Amino acid sequence: MEIPISTTLLKDFKATKTFKDNQKPITSICFNDTGDLCVTSAQDESLNVYDCKDGEKRSTLFSKKYGVNLARFTHASSNVVYASTKEDDTLRYLSLHDNKYIRYFRGHKQRVVSLEMSPLDDSLLSASLDNTVRLWDLRSSACQGVVTTTGRPTAAFDPAGLVFAVGTNSGTVKVYDLRNYESGPFATWNLRDDYYYPDGIPDWTGLKFSNTGKSILISTVGQTNYLIDAFEGHVKQRLSGHSRLLETSYGEEAGFAPDGRFVFAGGRDGDLHIWDLENPANVAGPIHDNRPMCTLTTPHAGNIRAVGFNPQYMMMVTASDDLAFWEPKSALDLAR
């Protein structure tokens, strides 16, 4: 029986299992296509793979020489691609089965801060502090295309895999047709929040499309994140009421629930904050100021650096120095 996501259900989520497998903070979380597996990367240069159904760790691999961040499952659950943090700025395509590299993707000159697989095919999108966004194909080491930006970029595919958006700290979002990106963006939006930030929105850490394709979430290092319309580019809501995020974050600390109605984010206070986008609080000002509908106390002692909502199962995952699996108490009662 499929259980719909609701405010009542989300408030009922509990951390059901905590894993203390890392010596340093976890920096990214990714689920495979079926939702059966979760892979994490951490500052201790490890990759951990967890079974979401059984609630157990499956394996640990290390990337001691190159470091590891932003680990992403490809469409094959036995393979991941990840960004390096040492030695060079190469992307590495790894077989989890035998711990061997399948391919390297070279081209970035500084650290990669955004990495995403296409939901449609084997295309890969990476953004780097070298002010470029690069397109790749897992079947070839050659870069398939480059978009130059001004300022630190972040990038994401839309849920159909037909367009991608690039955001920069200059306060601009540019949207490209994947098949015709060389012609430049087909939409450019300049975002401002003069009510709270007349000198410019705080530095952006991430950009994510909702699974519905209707909204884009911009996460920042400030105490506000922004919801923008994915078709027209205007700011729909300011999401506030949570702790300031880490300046070294990669946008992994915030995301959408699968239905696109709810946004969740961690931060320095170690709590998990959840916003209901359909019922924003009306506060005076030109932008709806939406505050969390609830705040969940987590088992983490430190900063929450990564969160994820499994798109196939009714479960959330949060990460700090340790990893926690979350499920609604009501769903657990029904399963018994």
C-alpha atoms as a PDB file:
ATOM      1  CA  MET A   1       0.000   0.000   0.000  1.00  0.00           C
ATOM      2  CA  GLU A   2       1.451   3.359  -1.052  1.00  0.00           C
ATOM      3  CA  ILE A   3       1.362   5.967   1.681  1.00  0.00           C
ATOM      4  CA  PRO A   4       0.981   9.578   0.473  1.00  0.00           C
ATOM      5  CA  ILE A   5       3.344  12.204   1.853  1.00  0.00           C
ATOM      6  CA  SER A   6       1.543  14.617   4.159  1.00  0.00           C
ATOM      7  CA  THR A   7       2.315  17.129   6.886  1.00  0.00           C
ATOM      8  CA  THR A   8       1.136  14.640   9.492  1.00  0.00           C
ATOM      9  CA  LEU A   9       3.346  11.892   8.103  1.00  0.00           C
ATOM     10  CA  LEU A  10       6.467  14.043   7.918  1.00  0.00           C
ATOM     11  CA  LYS A  11       6.024  15.211  11.493  1.00  0.00           C
ATOM     12  CA  ASP A  12       5.881  11.524  12.430  1.00  0.00           C
ATOM     13  CA  PHE A  13       9.321  10.684  10.994  1.00  0.00           C
ATOM     14  CA  LYS A  14      11.784   9.139  13.421  1.00  0.00           C
ATOM     15  CA  ALA A  15      15.457   8.234  13.107  1.00  0.00           C
ATOM     16  CA  THR A  16      15.266   4.448  13.172  1.00  0.00           C
ATOM     17  CA  LYS A  17      18.911   3.541  12.639  1.00  0.00           C
ATOM     18  CA  THR A  18      22.240   5.361  12.977  1.00  0.00           C
ATOM     19  CA  PHE A  19      25.524   4.286  11.413  1.00  0.00           C
ATOM     20  CA  LYS A  20      28.862   5.429  12.844  1.00  0.00           C
ATOM     21  CA  ASP A  21      31.105   4.193  10.049  1.00  0.00           C
ATOM     22  CA  ASN A  22      33.051   7.392   9.325  1.00  0.00           C
ATOM     23  CA  GLN A  23      35.964   9.091  11.049  1.00  0.00           C
ATOM     24  CA  LYS A  24      35.205  12.479   9.450  1.00  0.00           C
ATOM     25  CA  PRO A  25      32.043  14.235   8.182  1.00  0.00           C
ATOM     26  CA  ILE A  26      29.915  12.751   5.424  1.00  0.00           C
ATOM     27  CA  THR A  27      29.624  15.138   2.474  1.00  0.00           C
ATOM     28  CA  SER A  28      27.163  13.565   0.021  1.00  0.00           C
ATOM     29  CA  ILE A  29      24.291  11.088  -0.267  1.00  0.00           C
ATOM     30  CA  CYS A  30      22.882   9.432  -3.395  1.00  0.00           C
ATOM     31  CA  PHE A  31      20.292   6.696  -4.003  1.00  0.00           C
ATOM     32  CA  ASN A  32      20.365   4.305  -6.937  1.00  0.00           C
ATOM     33  CA  ASP A  33      17.486   4.207  -9.441  1.00  0.00           C
ATOM     34  CA  THR A  34      15.528   1.533  -7.551  1.00  0.00           C
ATOM     35  CA  GLY A  35      16.046   3.153  -4.155  1.00  0.00           C
ATOM     36  CA  ASP A  36      17.467  -0.086  -2.762  1.00  0.00           C
ATOM     37  CA  LEU A  37      20.943   1.332  -2.214  1.00  0.00           C
ATOM     38  CA  CYS A  38      22.447   4.509  -0.784  1.00  0.00           C
ATOM     39  CA  VAL A  39      26.051   5.619  -1.302  1.00  0.00           C
ATOM     40  CA  THR A  40      27.826   8.220   0.824  1.00  0.00           C
ATOM     41  CA  SER A  41      31.126  10.018   0.438  1.00  0.00           C
ATOM     42  CA  ALA A  42      33.049  11.450   3.371  1.00  0.00           C
ATOM     43  CA  GLN A  43      36.063  13.551   4.269  1.00  0.00           C
ATOM     44  CA  ASP A  44      37.828  10.409   5.519  1.00  0.00           C
ATOM     45  CA  GLU A  45      38.093   9.535   1.790  1.00  0.00           C
ATOM     46  CA  SER A  46      35.625   6.672   2.019  1.00  0.00           C
ATOM     47  CA  LEU A  47      32.639   5.485   0.025  1.00  0.00           C
ATOM     48  CA  ASN A  48      30.043   3.527   1.994  1.00  0.00           C
ATOM     49  CA  VAL A  49      27.195   1.628   0.353  1.00  0.00           C
ATOM     50  CA  TYR A  50      24.059   0.875   2.404  1.00  0.00           C
ATOM     51  CA  ASP A  51      21.082  -1.391   1.812  1.00  0.00           C
ATOM     52  CA  CYS A  52      17.979   0.781   2.299  1.00  0.00           C
ATOM     53  CA  LYS A  53      15.583  -2.156   2.581  1.00  0.00           C
ATOM     54  CA  ASP A  54      17.532  -4.141   5.169  1.00  0.00           C
ATOM     55  CA  GLY A  55      19.084  -1.143   6.917  1.00  0.00           C
ATOM     56  CA  GLU A  56      22.609  -2.525   6.722  1.00  0.00           C
ATOM     57  CA  LYS A  57      25.973  -1.428   5.392  1.00  0.00           C
ATOM     58  CA  ARG A  58      27.019  -3.426   2.352  1.00  0.00           C
ATOM     59  CA  SER A  59      30.560  -2.306   1.643  1.00  0.00           C
ATOM     60  CA  THR A  60      33.266   0.314   2.191  1.00  0.00           C
ATOM     61  CA  LEU A  61      35.762   1.480  -0.425  1.00  0.00           C
ATOM     62  CA  PHE A  62      38.492   4.104  -0.092  1.00  0.00           C
ATOM     63  CA  SER A  63      39.937   6.751  -2.382  1.00  0.00           C
ATOM     64  CA  LYS A  64      42.911   7.705  -0.228  1.00  0.00           C
ATOM     65  CA  LYS A  65      45.074   9.014  -3.058  1.00  0.00           C
ATOM     66  CA  TYR A  66      42.463  11.207  -4.746  1.00  0.00           C
ATOM     67  CA  GLY A  67      39.885  11.912  -2.053  1.00  0.00           C
ATOM     68  CA  VAL A  68      36.166  11.645  -2.780  1.00  0.00           C
ATOM     69  CA  ASN A  69      33.104  13.874  -2.865  1.00  0.00           C
ATOM     70  CA  LEU A  70      29.721  14.071  -4.597  1.00  0.00           C
ATOM     71  CA  ALA A  71      29.500  10.329  -5.235  1.00  0.00           C
ATOM     72  CA  ARG A  72      26.660   9.528  -7.672  1.00  0.00           C
ATOM     73  CA  PHE A  73      25.232   6.222  -8.760  1.00  0.00           C
ATOM     74  CA  THR A  74      25.089   5.799 -12.498  1.00  0.00           C
ATOM     75  CA  HIS A  75      22.041   3.984 -13.914  1.00  0.00           C
ATOM     76  CA  ALA A  76      23.927   0.769 -13.131  1.00  0.00           C
ATOM     77  CA  SER A  77      23.818   0.158  -9.378  1.00  0.00           C
ATOM     78  CA  SER A  78      27.275  -1.410  -9.449  1.00  0.00           C
ATOM     79  CA  ASN A  79      28.967   1.811 -10.611  1.00  0.00           C
ATOM     80  CA  VAL A  80      29.470   5.314  -9.245  1.00  0.00           C
ATOM     81  CA  VAL A  81      31.125   8.483 -10.477  1.00  0.00           C
ATOM     82  CA  TYR A  82      32.635  10.973  -8.050  1.00  0.00           C
ATOM     83  CA  ALA A  83      34.706  14.149  -7.778  1.00  0.00           C
ATOM     84  CA  SER A  84      38.286  14.197  -6.525  1.00  0.00           C
ATOM     85  CA  THR A  85      39.407  16.374  -3.622  1.00  0.00           C
ATOM     86  CA  LYS A  86      43.168  15.742  -3.822  1.00  0.00           C
ATOM     87  CA  GLU A  87      45.879  15.250  -6.453  1.00  0.00           C
ATOM     88  CA  ASP A  88      43.821  16.695  -9.313  1.00  0.00           C
ATOM     89  CA  ASP A  89      40.248  17.669 -10.211  1.00  0.00           C
ATOM     90  CA  THR A  90      39.416  14.633 -12.322  1.00  0.00           C
ATOM     91  CA  LEU A  91      36.059  12.866 -12.144  1.00  0.00           C
ATOM     92  CA  ARG A  92      36.428   9.136 -11.542  1.00  0.00           C
ATOM     93  CA  TYR A  93      34.090   6.409 -12.780  1.00  0.00           C
ATOM     94  CA  LEU A  94      34.352   3.428 -10.442  1.00  0.00           C
ATOM     95  CA  SER A  95      33.075  -0.140 -10.402  1.00  0.00           C
ATOM     96  CA  LEU A  96      31.905  -0.951  -6.888  1.00  0.00           C
ATOM     97  CA  HIS A  97      31.984  -4.650  -7.714  1.00  0.00           C
ATOM     98  CA  ASP A  98      35.755  -4.964  -8.112  1.00  0.00           C
ATOM     99  CA  ASN A  99      36.919  -1.503  -6.947  1.00  0.00           C
ATOM    100  CA  LYS A 100      38.452  -0.683 -10.314  1.00  0.00           C
ATOM    101  CA  TYR A 101      38.234   2.513 -12.326  1.00  0.00           C
ATOM    102  CA  ILE A 102      36.301   2.269 -15.572  1.00  0.00           C
ATOM    103  CA  ARG A 103      37.119   5.719 -16.926  1.00  0.00           C
ATOM    104  CA  TYR A 104      38.498   9.150 -16.013  1.00  0.00           C
ATOM    105  CA  PHE A 105      37.000  12.501 -16.991  1.00  0.00           C
ATOM    106  CA  ARG A 106      39.718  15.169 -17.121  1.00  0.00           C
ATOM    107  CA  GLY A 107      39.282  18.848 -17.872  1.00  0.00           C
ATOM    108  CA  HIS A 108      38.411  20.801 -14.739  1.00  0.00           C
ATOM    109  CA  LYS A 109      41.219  22.935 -13.304  1.00  0.00           C
ATOM    110  CA  GLN A 110      39.753  23.474  -9.855  1.00  0.00           C
ATOM    111  CA  ARG A 111      37.560  21.532  -7.451  1.00  0.00           C
ATOM    112  CA  VAL A 112      34.222  20.229  -8.700  1.00  0.00           C
ATOM    113  CA  VAL A 113      31.390  21.571  -6.520  1.00  0.00           C
ATOM    114  CA  SER A 114      28.341  20.191  -8.346  1.00  0.00           C
ATOM    115  CA  LEU A 115      27.866  16.805 -10.003  1.00  0.00           C
ATOM    116  CA  GLU A 116      24.727  15.155 -11.364  1.00  0.00           C
ATOM    117  CA  MET A 117      23.746  12.230 -13.561  1.00  0.00           C
ATOM    118  CA  SER A 118      21.115  12.759 -16.221  1.00  0.00           C
ATOM    119  CA  PRO A 119      17.808  11.072 -15.333  1.00  0.00           C
ATOM    120  CA  LEU A 120      17.437  10.163 -19.002  1.00  0.00           C
ATOM    121  CA  ASP A 121      20.708   8.609 -20.139  1.00  0.00           C
ATOM    122  CA  ASP A 122      24.444   8.340 -19.428  1.00  0.00           C
ATOM    123  CA  SER A 123      25.082  12.077 -19.605  1.00  0.00           C
ATOM    124  CA  LEU A 124      26.848  13.732 -16.681  1.00  0.00           C
ATOM    125  CA  LEU A 125      26.925  17.394 -15.616  1.00  0.00           C
ATOM    126  CA  SER A 126      29.716  18.890 -13.487  1.00  0.00           C
ATOM    127  CA  ALA A 127      30.379  22.414 -12.233  1.00  0.00           C
ATOM    128  CA  SER A 128      33.711  23.610 -10.886  1.00  0.00           C
ATOM    129  CA  LEU A 129      35.392  26.496  -9.112  1.00  0.00           C
ATOM    130  CA  ASP A 130      37.252  27.037 -12.401  1.00  0.00           C
ATOM    131  CA  ASN A 131      34.015  28.782 -13.520  1.00  0.00           C
ATOM    132  CA  THR A 132      33.023  26.121 -16.019  1.00  0.00           C
ATOM    133  CA  VAL A 133      30.188  23.635 -16.326  1.00  0.00           C
ATOM    134  CA  ARG A 134      31.073  20.538 -18.327  1.00  0.00           C
ATOM    135  CA  LEU A 135      28.950  17.908 -20.041  1.00  0.00           C
ATOM    136  CA  TRP A 136      30.205  14.320 -20.228  1.00  0.00           C
ATOM    137  CA  ASP A 137      29.088  10.949 -21.497  1.00  0.00           C
ATOM    138  CA  LEU A 138      30.016   7.901 -19.411  1.00  0.00           C
ATOM    139  CA  ARG A 139      30.989   6.059 -22.587  1.00  0.00           C
ATOM    140  CA  SER A 140      33.776   8.498 -23.482  1.00  0.00           C
ATOM    141  CA  SER A 141      36.581  10.250 -21.604  1.00  0.00           C
ATOM    142  CA  ALA A 142      36.259  13.279 -23.883  1.00  0.00           C
ATOM    143  CA  CYS A 143      34.339  16.287 -22.601  1.00  0.00           C
ATOM    144  CA  GLN A 144      31.155  16.716 -24.635  1.00  0.00           C
ATOM    145  CA  GLY A 145      30.744  20.447 -24.044  1.00  0.00           C
ATOM    146  CA  VAL A 146      31.697  23.419 -21.849  1.00  0.00           C
ATOM    147  CA  VAL A 147      29.682  26.365 -20.535  1.00  0.00           C
ATOM    148  CA  THR A 148      31.687  29.260 -19.035  1.00  0.00           C
ATOM    149  CA  THR A 149      30.275  31.107 -16.035  1.00  0.00           C
ATOM    150  CA  THR A 150      31.065  34.186 -13.963  1.00  0.00           C
ATOM    151  CA  GLY A 151      31.434  33.171 -10.337  1.00  0.00           C
ATOM    152  CA  ARG A 152      31.088  29.819  -8.613  1.00  0.00           C
ATOM    153  CA  PRO A 153      28.583  27.734 -10.595  1.00  0.00           C
ATOM    154  CA  THR A 154      26.091  25.095  -9.607  1.00  0.00           C
ATOM    155  CA  ALA A 155      24.132  23.058 -12.147  1.00  0.00           C
ATOM    156  CA  ALA A 156      21.344  20.499 -12.470  1.00  0.00           C
ATOM    157  CA  PHE A 157      19.310  18.571 -15.038  1.00  0.00           C
ATOM    158  CA  ASP A 158      15.550  18.938 -15.130  1.00  0.00           C
ATOM    159  CA  PRO A 159      13.664  15.698 -14.259  1.00  0.00           C
ATOM    160  CA  ALA A 160      13.076  14.921 -17.954  1.00  0.00           C
ATOM    161  CA  GLY A 161      16.792  15.206 -18.746  1.00  0.00           C
ATOM    162  CA  LEU A 162      16.098  17.560 -21.668  1.00  0.00           C
ATOM    163  CA  VAL A 163      17.353  20.851 -20.234  1.00  0.00           C
ATOM    164  CA  PHE A 164      19.848  21.911 -17.597  1.00  0.00           C
ATOM    165  CA  ALA A 165      20.112  25.007 -15.448  1.00  0.00           C
ATOM    166  CA  VAL A 166      23.270  26.789 -14.317  1.00  0.00           C
ATOM    167  CA  GLY A 167      23.274  29.124 -11.330  1.00  0.00           C
ATOM    168  CA  THR A 168      26.066  31.454 -10.238  1.00  0.00           C
ATOM    169  CA  ASN A 169      26.817  33.591  -7.214  1.00  0.00           C
ATOM    170  CA  SER A 170      26.169  36.647  -9.360  1.00  0.00           C
ATOM    171  CA  GLY A 171      22.485  35.909  -8.776  1.00  0.00           C
ATOM    172  CA  THR A 172      21.766  34.538 -12.226  1.00  0.00           C
ATOM    173  CA  VAL A 173      20.134  31.321 -13.439  1.00  0.00           C
ATOM    174  CA  LYS A 174      20.570  30.317 -17.085  1.00  0.00           C
ATOM    175  CA  VAL A 175      18.582  27.481 -18.639  1.00  0.00           C
ATOM    176  CA  TYR A 176      19.894  25.527 -21.646  1.00  0.00           C
ATOM    177  CA  ASP A 177      18.432  23.069 -24.107  1.00  0.00           C
ATOM    178  CA  LEU A 178      20.718  20.054 -23.831  1.00  0.00           C
ATOM    179  CA  ARG A 179      20.549  19.450 -27.590  1.00  0.00           C
ATOM    180  CA  ASN A 180      21.350  23.048 -28.468  1.00  0.00           C
ATOM    181  CA  TYR A 181      23.326  24.453 -25.551  1.00  0.00           C
ATOM    182  CA  GLU A 182      26.016  25.870 -27.897  1.00  0.00           C
ATOM    183  CA  SER A 183      23.512  28.548 -28.936  1.00  0.00           C
ATOM    184  CA  GLY A 184      23.406  29.851 -25.387  1.00  0.00           C
ATOM    185  CA  PRO A 185      20.649  29.811 -22.774  1.00  0.00           C
ATOM    186  CA  PHE A 186      17.029  30.030 -23.884  1.00  0.00           C
ATOM    187  CA  ALA A 187      16.163  31.699 -20.561  1.00  0.00           C
ATOM    188  CA  THR A 188      18.161  33.937 -18.203  1.00  0.00           C
ATOM    189  CA  TRP A 189      16.806  35.016 -14.821  1.00  0.00           C
ATOM    190  CA  ASN A 190      18.359  37.514 -12.429  1.00  0.00           C
ATOM    191  CA  LEU A 191      17.292  36.868  -8.856  1.00  0.00           C
ATOM    192  CA  ARG A 192      17.098  39.561  -6.197  1.00  0.00           C
ATOM    193  CA  ASP A 193      15.819  39.860  -2.660  1.00  0.00           C
ATOM    194  CA  ASP A 194      16.055  43.589  -1.979  1.00  0.00           C
ATOM    195  CA  TYR A 195      13.850  43.256   1.092  1.00  0.00           C
ATOM    196  CA  TYR A 196      16.415  41.206   3.050  1.00  0.00           C
ATOM    197  CA  TYR A 197      19.554  41.327   0.900  1.00  0.00           C
ATOM    198  CA  PRO A 198      19.816  44.606  -1.053  1.00  0.00           C
ATOM    199  CA  ASP A 199      23.532  43.954  -1.662  1.00  0.00           C
ATOM    200  CA  GLY A 200      22.867  40.522  -3.179  1.00  0.00           C
ATOM    201  CA  ILE A 201      21.660  37.092  -2.105  1.00  0.00           C
ATOM    202  CA  PRO A 202      24.248  35.145  -0.034  1.00  0.00           C
ATOM    203  CA  ASP A 203      26.540  32.752  -1.903  1.00  0.00           C
ATOM    204  CA  TRP A 204      24.712  29.884  -3.545  1.00  0.00           C
ATOM    205  CA  THR A 205      25.664  26.318  -2.649  1.00  0.00           C
ATOM    206  CA  GLY A 206      23.227  24.288  -4.741  1.00  0.00           C
ATOM    207  CA  LEU A 207      20.508  24.236  -7.385  1.00  0.00           C
ATOM    208  CA  LYS A 208      17.924  21.455  -7.619  1.00  0.00           C
ATOM    209  CA  PHE A 209      14.815  20.849  -9.722  1.00  0.00           C
ATOM    210  CA  SER A 210      11.770  19.364  -8.040  1.00  0.00           C
ATOM    211  CA  ASN A 211      10.714  15.944  -9.343  1.00  0.00           C
ATOM    212  CA  THR A 212       7.637  17.624 -10.809  1.00  0.00           C
ATOM    213  CA  GLY A 213       9.838  19.976 -12.851  1.00  0.00           C
ATOM    214  CA  LYS A 214       7.809  22.981 -11.697  1.00  0.00           C
ATOM    215  CA  SER A 215      10.215  24.490  -9.176  1.00  0.00           C
ATOM    216  CA  ILE A 216      13.908  25.051  -8.572  1.00  0.00           C
ATOM    217  CA  LEU A 217      15.457  25.215  -5.111  1.00  0.00           C
ATOM    218  CA  ILE A 218      18.419  27.557  -4.620  1.00  0.00           C
ATOM    219  CA  SER A 219      20.325  26.822  -1.409  1.00  0.00           C
ATOM    220  CA  THR A 220      22.635  29.452   0.049  1.00  0.00           C
ATOM    221  CA  VAL A 221      25.164  29.875   2.871  1.00  0.00           C
ATOM    222  CA  GLY A 222      22.784  32.328   4.514  1.00  0.00           C
ATOM    223  CA  GLN A 223      19.715  31.694   6.623  1.00  0.00           C
ATOM    224  CA  THR A 224      17.479  31.679   3.566  1.00  0.00           C
ATOM    225  CA  ASN A 225      16.938  29.354   0.626  1.00  0.00           C
ATOM    226  CA  TYR A 226      14.833  30.292  -2.399  1.00  0.00           C
ATOM    227  CA  LEU A 227      12.109  28.589  -4.396  1.00  0.00           C
ATOM    228  CA  ILE A 228      11.845  29.822  -7.967  1.00  0.00           C
ATOM    229  CA  ASP A 229       9.440  29.031 -10.782  1.00  0.00           C
ATOM    230  CA  ALA A 230      11.160  26.630 -13.199  1.00  0.00           C
ATOM    231  CA  PHE A 231       9.321  28.082 -16.224  1.00  0.00           C
ATOM    232  CA  GLU A 232       9.268  31.828 -15.582  1.00  0.00           C
ATOM    233  CA  GLY A 233      12.178  32.257 -13.174  1.00  0.00           C
ATOM    234  CA  HIS A 234      10.542  34.485 -10.565  1.00  0.00           C
ATOM    235  CA  VAL A 235      11.118  33.895  -6.859  1.00  0.00           C
ATOM    236  CA  LYS A 236       8.050  32.180  -5.427  1.00  0.00           C
ATOM    237  CA  GLN A 237       9.120  31.802  -1.804  1.00  0.00           C
ATOM    238  CA  ARG A 238      11.905  32.630   0.584  1.00  0.00           C
ATOM    239  CA  LEU A 239      12.515  29.652   2.879  1.00  0.00           C
ATOM    240  CA  SER A 240      13.768  30.931   6.225  1.00  0.00           C
ATOM    241  CA  GLY A 241      13.778  29.938   9.875  1.00  0.00           C
ATOM    242  CA  HIS A 242      16.704  27.501   9.856  1.00  0.00           C
ATOM    243  CA  SER A 243      20.333  27.793  10.951  1.00  0.00           C
ATOM    244  CA  ARG A 244      22.999  29.221   8.708  1.00  0.00           C
ATOM    245  CA  LEU A 245      24.633  26.621   6.486  1.00  0.00           C
ATOM    246  CA  LEU A 246      28.313  25.863   6.158  1.00  0.00           C
ATOM    247  CA  GLU A 247      30.231  28.036   3.695  1.00  0.00           C
ATOM    248  CA  THR A 248      32.012  24.887   2.505  1.00  0.00           C
ATOM    249  CA  SER A 249      28.744  23.111   1.667  1.00  0.00           C
ATOM    250  CA  TYR A 250      27.886  21.724  -1.763  1.00  0.00           C
ATOM    251  CA  GLY A 251      24.119  22.056  -1.652  1.00  0.00           C
ATOM    252  CA  GLU A 252      23.748  18.532  -0.276  1.00  0.00           C
ATOM    253  CA  GLU A 253      22.097  19.797   2.907  1.00  0.00           C
ATOM    254  CA  ALA A 254      18.789  20.738   1.237  1.00  0.00           C
ATOM    255  CA  GLY A 255      16.341  19.069  -1.124  1.00  0.00           C
ATOM    256  CA  PHE A 256      12.784  18.300  -2.193  1.00  0.00           C
ATOM    257  CA  ALA A 257      10.482  15.502  -1.136  1.00  0.00           C
ATOM    258  CA  PRO A 258       9.522  13.360  -4.171  1.00  0.00           C
ATOM    259  CA  ASP A 259       6.119  15.033  -4.581  1.00  0.00           C
ATOM    260  CA  GLY A 260       7.686  18.499  -4.840  1.00  0.00           C
ATOM    261  CA  ARG A 261       5.446  19.896  -2.088  1.00  0.00           C
ATOM    262  CA  PHE A 262       7.959  19.795   0.754  1.00  0.00           C
ATOM    263  CA  VAL A 263      11.535  21.023   1.149  1.00  0.00           C
ATOM    264  CA  PHE A 264      13.882  19.841   3.883  1.00  0.00           C
ATOM    265  CA  ALA A 265      17.246  21.232   4.995  1.00  0.00           C
ATOM    266  CA  GLY A 266      19.858  20.696   7.655  1.00  0.00           C
ATOM    267  CA  GLY A 267      22.431  23.128   8.980  1.00  0.00           C
ATOM    268  CA  ARG A 268      24.738  24.063  11.796  1.00  0.00           C
ATOM    269  CA  ASP A 269      22.180  23.512  14.551  1.00  0.00           C
ATOM    270  CA  GLY A 270      21.948  19.770  13.813  1.00  0.00           C
ATOM    271  CA  ASP A 271      18.171  19.881  13.345  1.00  0.00           C
ATOM    272  CA  LEU A 272      16.163  18.925  10.257  1.00  0.00           C
ATOM    273  CA  HIS A 273      13.762  21.627   9.079  1.00  0.00           C
ATOM    274  CA  ILE A 274      10.810  20.929   6.763  1.00  0.00           C
ATOM    275  CA  TRP A 275       8.773  23.485   4.778  1.00  0.00           C
ATOM    276  CA  ASP A 276       5.308  23.017   3.278  1.00  0.00           C
ATOM    277  CA  LEU A 277       5.389  24.871  -0.053  1.00  0.00           C
ATOM    278  CA  GLU A 278       1.627  24.746  -0.502  1.00  0.00           C
ATOM    279  CA  ASN A 279       0.958  26.588   2.750  1.00  0.00           C
ATOM    280  CA  PRO A 280       3.564  29.338   3.072  1.00  0.00           C
ATOM    281  CA  ALA A 281       3.239  31.853   5.868  1.00  0.00           C
ATOM    282  CA  ASN A 282       2.302  35.300   4.613  1.00  0.00           C
ATOM    283  CA  VAL A 283       4.779  37.839   5.955  1.00  0.00           C
ATOM    284  CA  ALA A 284       4.920  41.452   4.819  1.00  0.00           C
ATOM    285  CA  GLY A 285       7.226  41.947   1.864  1.00  0.00           C
ATOM    286  CA  PRO A 286       7.381  41.303  -1.873  1.00  0.00           C
ATOM    287  CA  ILE A 287       8.328  37.633  -1.422  1.00  0.00           C
ATOM    288  CA  HIS A 288       6.378  35.019   0.544  1.00  0.00           C
ATOM    289  CA  ASP A 289       8.495  34.261   3.594  1.00  0.00           C
ATOM    290  CA  ASN A 290       7.875  30.585   4.347  1.00  0.00           C
ATOM    291  CA  ARG A 291       9.014  29.271   7.701  1.00  0.00           C
ATOM    292  CA  PRO A 292       9.366  25.569   8.627  1.00  0.00           C
ATOM    293  CA  MET A 293       6.144  23.705   9.295  1.00  0.00           C
ATOM    294  CA  CYS A 294       8.165  21.511  11.683  1.00  0.00           C
ATOM    295  CA  THR A 295      11.668  20.923  12.985  1.00  0.00           C
ATOM    296  CA  LEU A 296      12.834  17.404  13.765  1.00  0.00           C
ATOM    297  CA  THR A 297      15.499  16.701  16.368  1.00  0.00           C
ATOM    298  CA  THR A 298      18.161  14.457  14.869  1.00  0.00           C
ATOM    299  CA  PRO A 299      20.641  12.050  16.496  1.00  0.00           C
ATOM    300  CA  HIS A 300      23.525  14.089  15.060  1.00  0.00           C
ATOM    301  CA  ALA A 301      25.827  16.041  17.380  1.00  0.00           C
ATOM    302  CA  GLY A 302      27.266  18.245  14.631  1.00  0.00           C
ATOM    303  CA  ASN A 303      26.392  20.005  11.407  1.00  0.00           C
ATOM    304  CA  ILE A 304      24.021  18.254   9.019  1.00  0.00           C
ATOM    305  CA  ARG A 305      25.937  18.321   5.748  1.00  0.00           C
ATOM    306  CA  ALA A 306      23.755  16.086   3.572  1.00  0.00           C
ATOM    307  CA  VAL A 307      20.121  15.022   3.419  1.00  0.00           C
ATOM    308  CA  GLY A 308      18.164  12.846   1.019  1.00  0.00           C
ATOM    309  CA  PHE A 309      14.628  11.566   0.547  1.00  0.00           C
ATOM    310  CA  ASN A 310      14.547   8.131  -1.039  1.00  0.00           C
ATOM    311  CA  PRO A 311      12.281   8.506  -4.106  1.00  0.00           C
ATOM    312  CA  GLN A 312      11.178   4.852  -4.013  1.00  0.00           C
ATOM    313  CA  TYR A 313      10.669   4.309  -0.294  1.00  0.00           C
ATOM    314  CA  MET A 314       9.129   6.368   2.472  1.00  0.00           C
ATOM    315  CA  MET A 315      12.458   7.130   4.099  1.00  0.00           C
ATOM    316  CA  MET A 316      14.821  10.033   4.649  1.00  0.00           C
ATOM    317  CA  VAL A 317      18.548  10.000   5.256  1.00  0.00           C
ATOM    318  CA  THR A 318      20.557  12.632   7.125  1.00  0.00           C
ATOM    319  CA  ALA A 319      24.311  12.827   7.534  1.00  0.00           C
ATOM    320  CA  SER A 320      26.821  14.568   9.761  1.00  0.00           C
ATOM    321  CA  ASP A 321      29.791  12.644  11.156  1.00  0.00           C
ATOM    322  CA  ASP A 322      27.324   9.754  11.233  1.00  0.00           C
ATOM    323  CA  LEU A 323      24.421   8.610   9.050  1.00  0.00           C
ATOM    324  CA  ALA A 324      20.773   8.218  10.080  1.00  0.00           C
ATOM    325  CA  PHE A 325      17.883   6.445   8.352  1.00  0.00           C
ATOM    326  CA  TRP A 326      14.439   7.934   9.021  1.00  0.00           C
ATOM    327  CA  GLU A 327      10.980   6.409   8.648  1.00  0.00           C
ATOM    328  CA  PRO A 328       7.493   7.486   9.768  1.00  0.00           C
ATOM    329  CA  LYS A 329       6.373   5.766  12.948  1.00  0.00           C
ATOM    330  CA  SER A 330       2.896   5.227  11.506  1.00  0.00           C
ATOM    331  CA  ALA A 331       4.301   3.359   8.492  1.00  0.00           C
ATOM    332  CA  LEU A 332       6.379   1.161  10.778  1.00  0.00           C
ATOM    333  CA  ASP A 333       3.275   0.333  12.799  1.00  0.00           C
ATOM    334  CA  LEU A 334       1.400  -0.631   9.623  1.00  0.00           C
ATOM    335  CA  ALA A 335       4.277  -2.880   8.527  1.00  0.00           C
ATOM    336  CA  ARG A 336       4.188  -4.858  11.768  1.00  0.00           C
END
